[in-house]
């Protein structure tokens, strides 16, 4: 792991963050020779789940899919 004094990190903060993000190698920040922080690459974000097919295999068919759910007499269209 690369080590860097805090004064140098302060002067090159954005460049160090870019380098850690690109290379994936962490950097230890020191103050008077003692470690005070470690800059590590971020964990990868989970891929977004595709909404198409998200409910696949979660339902069950319990009866006739074509038959009306109530009596035809109760429907307004048949009056």
Protein backbone atom coordinates (compact mmCIF):
# COMPACT_ATOMS: atom_id res chain seq x y z
CA UNK A 1 0.00 0.00 0.00
CA UNK A 2 1.31 3.42 -0.92
CA UNK A 3 1.82 5.87 1.93
CA UNK A 4 1.56 9.65 1.65
CA UNK A 5 2.00 12.53 4.13
CA UNK A 6 -1.15 14.49 4.85
CA UNK A 7 0.36 17.73 3.50
CA UNK A 8 0.99 16.13 0.09
CA UNK A 9 -2.49 14.57 0.11
CA UNK A 10 -4.03 17.97 0.84
CA UNK A 11 -2.21 19.48 -2.15
CA UNK A 12 -3.10 16.63 -4.56
CA UNK A 13 -6.37 15.33 -3.12
CA UNK A 14 -8.38 15.12 -6.36
CA UNK A 15 -5.55 13.51 -8.29
CA UNK A 16 -5.05 10.90 -5.54
CA UNK A 17 -8.77 10.11 -5.48
CA UNK A 18 -8.81 9.71 -9.27
CA UNK A 19 -5.77 7.44 -9.17
CA UNK A 20 -7.27 5.22 -6.44
CA UNK A 21 -10.52 4.99 -8.41
CA UNK A 22 -8.75 4.02 -11.63
CA UNK A 23 -6.08 1.65 -10.29
CA UNK A 24 -7.98 0.20 -7.33
CA UNK A 25 -4.87 0.44 -5.12
CA UNK A 26 -5.46 2.01 -1.68
CA UNK A 27 -3.38 4.91 -0.30
CA UNK A 28 -2.54 5.39 3.39
CA UNK A 29 -2.45 8.99 4.64
CA UNK A 30 0.03 9.70 7.46
CA UNK A 31 0.57 12.52 9.90
CA UNK A 32 3.95 12.65 11.61
CA UNK A 33 4.56 9.09 10.40
CA UNK A 34 1.36 7.62 11.91
CA UNK A 35 -1.53 6.48 9.76
CA UNK A 36 -4.63 8.67 10.07
CA UNK A 37 -6.69 7.49 7.09
CA UNK A 38 -6.80 5.08 4.19
CA UNK A 39 -8.23 5.96 0.82
CA UNK A 40 -9.73 2.80 -0.70
CA UNK A 41 -11.64 2.29 -3.95
CA UNK A 42 -15.42 2.20 -3.64
CA UNK A 43 -17.27 -1.09 -3.61
CA UNK A 44 -18.99 -1.75 -6.93
CA UNK A 45 -22.63 -0.72 -7.04
CA UNK A 46 -25.11 -3.53 -7.60
CA UNK A 47 -26.49 -3.65 -11.10
CA UNK A 48 -30.04 -2.31 -11.38
CA UNK A 49 -32.57 -5.07 -11.58
CA UNK A 50 -34.47 -5.13 -14.83
CA UNK A 51 -38.18 -4.56 -14.23
CA UNK A 52 -39.15 -6.74 -17.18
CA UNK A 53 -39.82 -10.17 -15.77
CA UNK A 54 -39.21 -9.06 -12.17
CA UNK A 55 -42.38 -10.86 -10.95
CA UNK A 56 -41.76 -14.03 -12.95
CA UNK A 57 -42.57 -17.20 -10.98
CA UNK A 58 -44.14 -15.27 -8.09
CA UNK A 59 -47.85 -15.86 -8.82
CA UNK A 60 -50.10 -18.87 -9.12
CA UNK A 61 -53.20 -19.55 -11.22
CA UNK A 62 -56.12 -20.68 -9.06
CA UNK A 63 -59.02 -21.26 -11.39
CA UNK A 64 -60.31 -20.34 -14.82
CA UNK A 65 -58.68 -17.28 -16.37
CA UNK A 66 -61.49 -16.69 -18.90
CA UNK A 67 -64.60 -17.18 -16.76
CA UNK A 68 -66.15 -14.00 -15.25
CA UNK A 69 -65.59 -13.51 -11.55
CA UNK A 70 -69.26 -12.73 -10.83
CA UNK A 71 -72.74 -13.38 -12.20
CA UNK A 72 -73.47 -11.86 -15.59
CA UNK A 73 -76.72 -10.48 -14.17
CA UNK A 74 -74.75 -8.14 -11.91
CA UNK A 75 -72.81 -6.60 -14.78
CA UNK A 76 -74.12 -3.29 -16.16
CA UNK A 77 -73.18 -4.15 -19.73
CA UNK A 78 -75.70 -7.05 -19.74
CA UNK A 79 -78.65 -4.98 -18.49
